[in-house]
Amino acid sequence: MGMHTCTLDTFLESVESVPEKCGWNLDQVVDTVIKFWLNNSDSIRYWKVCLSNAGKDNLLVTRLADITALQAEFESLLDKKW
């Protein structure tokens, strides 16, 4: 997902189409995003300032994934011989 603004509303709007594609429960996805937002306010504030200072030609890219699948993907990438 990519966005030009770092707000909770923007993140929630961006995840609305994800559960249908992945077979996820939308309520659980929204709850997870809200909990993450509330539990990581310092980091979010930092990245919000960075995005704002970077100018209008920059984009914040995020990832919403099942943690097990994401971990497997990262491990696969680390094992590749580039």
N, C-alpha and C. Protein backbone atom coordinates (compact mmCIF):
# COMPACT_ATOMS: atom_id res chain seq x y z
N MET A 1 0.84 -1.16 0.00
CA MET A 1 0.00 0.00 0.00
C MET A 1 0.89 1.23 0.00
N GLY A 2 0.46 2.23 -0.68
CA GLY A 2 1.21 3.46 -0.72
C GLY A 2 0.30 4.65 -0.52
N MET A 3 0.80 5.66 0.18
CA MET A 3 0.00 6.85 0.43
C MET A 3 0.91 8.06 0.61
N HIS A 4 0.33 9.23 0.37
CA HIS A 4 1.09 10.47 0.51
C HIS A 4 0.90 11.11 1.88
N THR A 5 -0.11 10.68 2.63
CA THR A 5 -0.33 11.23 3.96
C THR A 5 -0.28 10.11 4.99
N CYS A 6 0.14 10.45 6.18
CA CYS A 6 0.29 9.46 7.25
C CYS A 6 -0.75 9.74 8.32
N THR A 7 -1.98 9.25 8.08
CA THR A 7 -3.05 9.39 9.07
C THR A 7 -3.71 8.03 9.24
N LEU A 8 -4.33 7.84 10.38
CA LEU A 8 -5.03 6.58 10.62
C LEU A 8 -6.15 6.39 9.62
N ASP A 9 -6.88 7.45 9.30
CA ASP A 9 -7.96 7.35 8.31
C ASP A 9 -7.44 6.88 6.96
N THR A 10 -6.30 7.40 6.54
CA THR A 10 -5.72 7.00 5.26
C THR A 10 -5.35 5.52 5.27
N PHE A 11 -4.77 5.07 6.36
CA PHE A 11 -4.41 3.66 6.46
C PHE A 11 -5.65 2.77 6.44
N LEU A 12 -6.68 3.17 7.16
CA LEU A 12 -7.91 2.37 7.20
C LEU A 12 -8.57 2.32 5.83
N GLU A 13 -8.56 3.43 5.10
CA GLU A 13 -9.11 3.44 3.75
C GLU A 13 -8.33 2.50 2.84
N SER A 14 -7.02 2.47 3.02
CA SER A 14 -6.18 1.66 2.13
C SER A 14 -6.33 0.16 2.38
N VAL A 15 -6.76 -0.24 3.57
CA VAL A 15 -6.88 -1.67 3.86
C VAL A 15 -8.26 -2.24 3.52
N GLU A 16 -9.20 -1.39 3.14
CA GLU A 16 -10.56 -1.86 2.90
C GLU A 16 -10.64 -2.92 1.81
N SER A 17 -9.78 -2.88 0.81
CA SER A 17 -9.85 -3.85 -0.28
C SER A 17 -9.01 -5.10 -0.03
N VAL A 18 -8.11 -5.05 0.94
CA VAL A 18 -7.19 -6.16 1.19
C VAL A 18 -7.89 -7.44 1.67
N PRO A 19 -8.77 -7.37 2.66
CA PRO A 19 -9.37 -8.61 3.16
C PRO A 19 -10.09 -9.44 2.11
N GLU A 20 -10.78 -8.80 1.17
CA GLU A 20 -11.48 -9.52 0.12
C GLU A 20 -10.51 -10.33 -0.73
N LYS A 21 -9.40 -9.74 -1.08
CA LYS A 21 -8.41 -10.40 -1.93
C LYS A 21 -7.74 -11.57 -1.21
N CYS A 22 -7.56 -11.46 0.09
CA CYS A 22 -6.82 -12.46 0.85
C CYS A 22 -7.71 -13.37 1.69
N GLY A 23 -9.02 -13.13 1.67
CA GLY A 23 -9.92 -13.92 2.49
C GLY A 23 -9.85 -13.58 3.96
N TRP A 24 -9.43 -12.37 4.29
CA TRP A 24 -9.31 -11.94 5.68
C TRP A 24 -10.60 -11.30 6.16
N ASN A 25 -10.79 -11.26 7.47
CA ASN A 25 -11.93 -10.62 8.10
C ASN A 25 -11.63 -9.13 8.23
N LEU A 26 -12.45 -8.29 7.58
CA LEU A 26 -12.20 -6.85 7.58
C LEU A 26 -12.17 -6.26 8.99
N ASP A 27 -13.08 -6.70 9.85
CA ASP A 27 -13.10 -6.17 11.22
C ASP A 27 -11.80 -6.47 11.96
N GLN A 28 -11.24 -7.65 11.77
CA GLN A 28 -9.98 -8.01 12.42
C GLN A 28 -8.83 -7.19 11.85
N VAL A 29 -8.85 -6.97 10.55
CA VAL A 29 -7.79 -6.17 9.91
C VAL A 29 -7.83 -4.75 10.44
N VAL A 30 -9.02 -4.15 10.48
CA VAL A 30 -9.16 -2.78 10.98
C VAL A 30 -8.73 -2.71 12.44
N ASP A 31 -9.14 -3.67 13.25
CA ASP A 31 -8.76 -3.70 14.66
C ASP A 31 -7.25 -3.79 14.81
N THR A 32 -6.61 -4.62 14.00
CA THR A 32 -5.15 -4.78 14.06
C THR A 32 -4.44 -3.48 13.69
N VAL A 33 -4.92 -2.81 12.65
CA VAL A 33 -4.30 -1.54 12.23
C VAL A 33 -4.46 -0.49 13.33
N ILE A 34 -5.63 -0.41 13.92
CA ILE A 34 -5.87 0.57 14.99
C ILE A 34 -4.98 0.26 16.20
N LYS A 35 -4.90 -1.00 16.60
CA LYS A 35 -4.04 -1.36 17.73
C LYS A 35 -2.58 -1.03 17.45
N PHE A 36 -2.12 -1.33 16.23
CA PHE A 36 -0.74 -1.01 15.87
C PHE A 36 -0.52 0.50 15.97
N TRP A 37 -1.46 1.26 15.44
CA TRP A 37 -1.35 2.72 15.44
C TRP A 37 -1.25 3.24 16.87
N LEU A 38 -2.09 2.72 17.76
CA LEU A 38 -2.10 3.18 19.15
C LEU A 38 -0.86 2.73 19.92
N ASN A 39 -0.36 1.54 19.62
CA ASN A 39 0.79 0.99 20.36
C ASN A 39 2.14 1.48 19.83
N ASN A 40 2.15 2.15 18.70
CA ASN A 40 3.40 2.60 18.10
C ASN A 40 3.36 4.09 17.77
N SER A 41 2.76 4.87 18.63
CA SER A 41 2.55 6.29 18.35
C SER A 41 3.85 7.06 18.13
N ASP A 42 4.90 6.72 18.86
CA ASP A 42 6.17 7.43 18.68
C ASP A 42 6.74 7.19 17.29
N SER A 43 6.75 5.95 16.85
CA SER A 43 7.26 5.64 15.51
C SER A 43 6.40 6.28 14.43
N ILE A 44 5.11 6.23 14.62
CA ILE A 44 4.21 6.82 13.63
C ILE A 44 4.41 8.32 13.54
N ARG A 45 4.54 8.96 14.68
CA ARG A 45 4.79 10.40 14.69
C ARG A 45 6.11 10.71 13.95
N TYR A 46 7.14 9.91 14.19
CA TYR A 46 8.43 10.11 13.53
C TYR A 46 8.29 10.01 12.01
N TRP A 47 7.64 8.93 11.53
CA TRP A 47 7.50 8.74 10.09
C TRP A 47 6.56 9.75 9.45
N LYS A 48 5.59 10.22 10.20
CA LYS A 48 4.69 11.25 9.70
C LYS A 48 5.47 12.54 9.43
N VAL A 49 6.35 12.90 10.37
CA VAL A 49 7.19 14.08 10.19
C VAL A 49 8.15 13.89 9.01
N CYS A 50 8.76 12.71 8.93
CA CYS A 50 9.69 12.44 7.81
C CYS A 50 8.98 12.56 6.47
N LEU A 51 7.79 12.00 6.38
CA LEU A 51 7.03 12.06 5.12
C LEU A 51 6.66 13.50 4.80
N SER A 52 6.25 14.23 5.80
CA SER A 52 5.89 15.63 5.59
C SER A 52 7.10 16.45 5.14
N ASN A 53 8.25 16.22 5.76
CA ASN A 53 9.47 16.96 5.41
C ASN A 53 10.03 16.56 4.05
N ALA A 54 9.68 15.38 3.58
CA ALA A 54 10.23 14.88 2.32
C ALA A 54 9.61 15.55 1.10
N GLY A 55 8.48 16.17 1.26
CA GLY A 55 7.86 16.86 0.14
C GLY A 55 6.77 16.04 -0.52
N LYS A 56 6.12 16.66 -1.50
CA LYS A 56 4.94 16.06 -2.12
C LYS A 56 5.26 14.93 -3.09
N ASP A 57 6.49 14.81 -3.52
CA ASP A 57 6.84 13.77 -4.49
C ASP A 57 7.26 12.46 -3.83
N ASN A 58 6.99 12.30 -2.55
CA ASN A 58 7.37 11.10 -1.82
C ASN A 58 6.13 10.34 -1.38
N LEU A 59 6.33 9.07 -1.14
CA LEU A 59 5.23 8.17 -0.85
C LEU A 59 5.60 7.26 0.30
N LEU A 60 4.69 7.07 1.23
CA LEU A 60 4.88 6.13 2.32
C LEU A 60 4.34 4.78 1.85
N VAL A 61 5.19 3.76 1.92
CA VAL A 61 4.80 2.42 1.48
C VAL A 61 4.70 1.53 2.71
N THR A 62 3.58 0.82 2.83
CA THR A 62 3.37 -0.05 3.97
C THR A 62 3.02 -1.45 3.50
N ARG A 63 3.03 -2.37 4.43
CA ARG A 63 2.71 -3.76 4.11
C ARG A 63 1.78 -4.30 5.18
N LEU A 64 0.72 -4.92 4.75
CA LEU A 64 -0.21 -5.59 5.64
C LEU A 64 -0.17 -7.06 5.26
N ALA A 65 0.24 -7.90 6.21
CA ALA A 65 0.42 -9.32 5.88
C ALA A 65 0.22 -10.20 7.09
N ASP A 66 -0.08 -11.43 6.82
CA ASP A 66 -0.07 -12.45 7.86
C ASP A 66 1.38 -12.60 8.31
N ILE A 67 1.64 -12.52 9.61
CA ILE A 67 3.00 -12.49 10.12
C ILE A 67 3.80 -13.73 9.73
N THR A 68 3.15 -14.89 9.72
CA THR A 68 3.85 -16.12 9.36
C THR A 68 4.27 -16.08 7.89
N ALA A 69 3.36 -15.63 7.03
CA ALA A 69 3.68 -15.54 5.60
C ALA A 69 4.76 -14.49 5.35
N LEU A 70 4.68 -13.38 6.05
CA LEU A 70 5.68 -12.33 5.88
C LEU A 70 7.06 -12.81 6.33
N GLN A 71 7.11 -13.51 7.46
CA GLN A 71 8.38 -14.03 7.95
C GLN A 71 8.97 -15.03 6.95
N ALA A 72 8.14 -15.90 6.40
CA ALA A 72 8.61 -16.88 5.42
C ALA A 72 9.14 -16.17 4.17
N GLU A 73 8.47 -15.10 3.75
CA GLU A 73 8.93 -14.37 2.58
C GLU A 73 10.28 -13.71 2.83
N PHE A 74 10.43 -13.08 4.00
CA PHE A 74 11.72 -12.46 4.33
C PHE A 74 12.84 -13.50 4.43
N GLU A 75 12.56 -14.62 5.05
CA GLU A 75 13.57 -15.67 5.16
C GLU A 75 13.96 -16.19 3.78
N SER A 76 12.99 -16.31 2.89
CA SER A 76 13.26 -16.74 1.53
C SER A 76 14.16 -15.73 0.81
N LEU A 77 13.88 -14.46 1.00
CA LEU A 77 14.70 -13.42 0.37
C LEU A 77 16.13 -13.42 0.90
N LEU A 78 16.27 -13.66 2.20
CA LEU A 78 17.60 -13.67 2.80
C LEU A 78 18.43 -14.89 2.36
N ASP A 79 17.75 -15.98 2.02
CA ASP A 79 18.44 -17.20 1.60
C ASP A 79 18.86 -17.17 0.13
N LYS A 80 18.31 -16.25 -0.64
CA LYS A 80 18.61 -16.18 -2.08
C LYS A 80 20.05 -15.72 -2.29
N LYS A 81 20.63 -16.28 -3.30
CA LYS A 81 21.98 -15.88 -3.71
C LYS A 81 21.85 -14.89 -4.85
N TRP A 82 22.02 -13.62 -4.56
CA TRP A 82 21.83 -12.57 -5.55
C TRP A 82 23.05 -12.52 -6.37
